[in-house]
Protein backbone atom coordinates (compact mmCIF):
# COMPACT_ATOMS: atom_id res chain seq x y z
CA UNK A 1 92.64 140.29 113.21
CA UNK A 2 89.92 140.32 110.96
CA UNK A 3 88.84 143.79 109.72
CA UNK A 4 84.81 144.87 111.31
CA UNK A 5 83.40 146.89 108.42
CA UNK A 6 81.72 149.69 109.46
CA UNK A 7 78.51 150.67 108.04
CA UNK A 8 78.53 151.85 104.23
CA UNK A 9 82.36 149.97 104.29
CA UNK A 10 82.60 147.01 101.85
CA UNK A 11 85.10 145.39 100.88
CA UNK A 12 86.19 145.80 97.39
CA UNK A 13 85.69 142.52 95.13
CA UNK A 14 88.44 140.33 94.20
CA UNK A 15 89.06 140.19 90.72
CA UNK A 16 89.23 136.85 88.98
CA UNK A 17 92.32 136.46 86.76
CA UNK A 18 92.50 137.55 83.02
CA UNK A 19 92.20 134.12 81.74
CA UNK A 20 89.61 133.28 84.07
CA UNK A 21 87.72 136.51 83.32
CA UNK A 22 88.39 135.66 79.00
CA UNK A 23 86.48 131.81 79.56
CA UNK A 24 82.69 133.94 82.00
CA UNK A 25 83.21 136.60 79.25
CA UNK A 26 82.87 133.74 76.45
CA UNK A 27 80.04 131.36 78.36
CA UNK A 28 78.25 134.63 79.42
CA UNK A 29 77.80 135.46 75.81
CA UNK A 30 77.12 131.90 74.68
CA UNK A 31 74.38 131.37 77.05
CA UNK A 32 72.95 135.40 75.53
CA UNK A 33 71.53 133.21 72.64
CA UNK A 34 69.16 131.53 71.66
CA UNK A 35 70.18 127.93 70.87
CA UNK A 36 67.28 126.52 70.16
CA UNK A 37 64.67 129.05 67.94
CA UNK A 38 61.15 127.78 68.17
CA UNK A 39 60.41 125.18 70.34
CA UNK A 40 56.88 123.63 70.52
CA UNK A 41 55.34 125.20 73.56
CA UNK A 42 55.84 122.73 76.43
CA UNK A 43 54.45 124.65 79.79
CA UNK A 44 55.85 121.51 82.02
CA UNK A 45 58.98 121.73 80.90
CA UNK A 46 59.46 124.95 80.18
CA UNK A 47 58.57 125.73 83.97
CA UNK A 48 61.69 123.10 84.98
CA UNK A 49 64.00 125.01 82.73
CA UNK A 50 63.26 128.20 83.51
CA UNK A 51 63.09 127.76 87.25
CA UNK A 52 66.14 125.54 87.59
CA UNK A 53 67.70 128.75 85.50
CA UNK A 54 66.63 130.84 87.91
CA UNK A 55 67.41 128.77 91.04
CA UNK A 56 71.16 128.69 89.31
CA UNK A 57 71.24 132.14 89.18
CA UNK A 58 70.84 133.09 92.90
CA UNK A 59 72.83 129.73 93.87
CA UNK A 60 76.00 131.55 91.74
CA UNK A 61 75.05 134.77 92.48
CA UNK A 62 75.04 133.83 96.17
CA UNK A 63 78.60 131.62 96.61
CA UNK A 64 79.92 135.19 94.25
CA UNK A 65 78.85 137.30 96.51
CA UNK A 66 80.50 135.09 100.20
CA UNK A 67 83.32 134.20 97.70
CA UNK A 68 84.23 137.77 97.03
CA UNK A 69 83.31 138.21 93.50
CA UNK A 70 80.64 139.89 93.62
CA UNK A 71 79.65 142.98 95.72
CA UNK A 72 76.75 143.49 98.23
CA UNK A 73 75.37 146.32 96.42
CA UNK A 74 75.22 143.91 92.31
CA UNK A 75 73.87 141.48 94.76
CA UNK A 76 70.94 143.49 96.33
CA UNK A 77 70.07 144.82 93.20
CA UNK A 78 69.55 141.05 91.11
CA UNK A 79 68.47 138.91 93.62
CA UNK A 80 65.15 140.67 94.24
CA UNK A 81 64.47 140.67 90.68
CA UNK A 82 65.26 136.62 90.69
CA UNK A 83 63.19 136.02 93.60
CA UNK A 84 60.47 137.92 91.72
CA UNK A 85 60.94 135.65 88.57
CA UNK A 86 60.92 132.89 90.68
CA UNK A 87 57.58 133.73 92.48
CA UNK A 88 55.60 133.74 89.11
CA UNK A 89 57.30 130.90 87.08
CA UNK A 90 54.14 128.03 87.14
CA UNK A 91 52.78 125.81 84.92
CA UNK A 92 49.91 127.04 84.90
CA UNK A 93 51.60 130.58 84.34
CA UNK A 94 52.86 129.50 81.50
CA UNK A 95 49.06 127.90 80.38
CA UNK A 96 47.38 131.44 80.58
CA UNK A 97 50.55 132.86 78.75
CA UNK A 98 50.14 135.62 75.77
CA UNK A 99 52.53 138.32 73.58
CA UNK A 100 56.32 137.81 75.07
CA UNK A 101 55.20 135.99 78.16
CA UNK A 102 54.47 133.18 76.11
CA UNK A 103 57.28 133.12 73.51
CA UNK A 104 59.35 132.91 76.88
CA UNK A 105 57.80 130.26 77.91
CA UNK A 106 57.86 128.79 74.91
CA UNK A 107 61.17 129.38 73.97
CA UNK A 108 62.33 127.59 77.79
CA UNK A 109 60.76 124.69 76.76
CA UNK A 110 63.56 123.61 74.92
CA UNK A 111 66.78 121.92 76.76
CA UNK A 112 69.15 124.41 75.30
CA UNK A 113 67.89 127.70 75.65
CA UNK A 114 69.47 130.01 78.71
CA UNK A 115 67.02 131.58 80.38
CA UNK A 116 69.21 134.58 80.50
CA UNK A 117 68.99 134.44 76.81
CA UNK A 118 64.93 133.56 76.87
CA UNK A 119 64.56 136.38 79.43
CA UNK A 120 66.48 139.22 77.34
CA UNK A 121 64.92 137.87 73.24
CA UNK A 122 61.37 137.69 75.62
CA UNK A 123 61.59 140.13 78.38
CA UNK A 124 57.60 140.67 80.26
CA UNK A 125 57.40 142.10 83.52
CA UNK A 126 57.11 139.70 86.07
């Protein structure tokens, strides 16, 4: 019989097997590093890459939430920030960007860079 979770009760998240967790950690470490540090700024490519990366992160977070590998609280803490970033990623924003925001878009102009790595290297408030 299914359990009805009460208010404030949340099932424990599922743990990954040790070998899978090691792979996840290695992938996350790889994605957190900028692979191409100085591509030419190309706003169309940068926005396409950045939006794809954020949309993928939101999809994976939703799947992990539904599968029990991500808690509702962790999902609720991360999703609004990703959605806020997605809302500002436009070619007009890129064209007008300066400072770290411009550096982020320049970083995202390379297909070899992940949005997480570029965001970590060039943080800005959406």
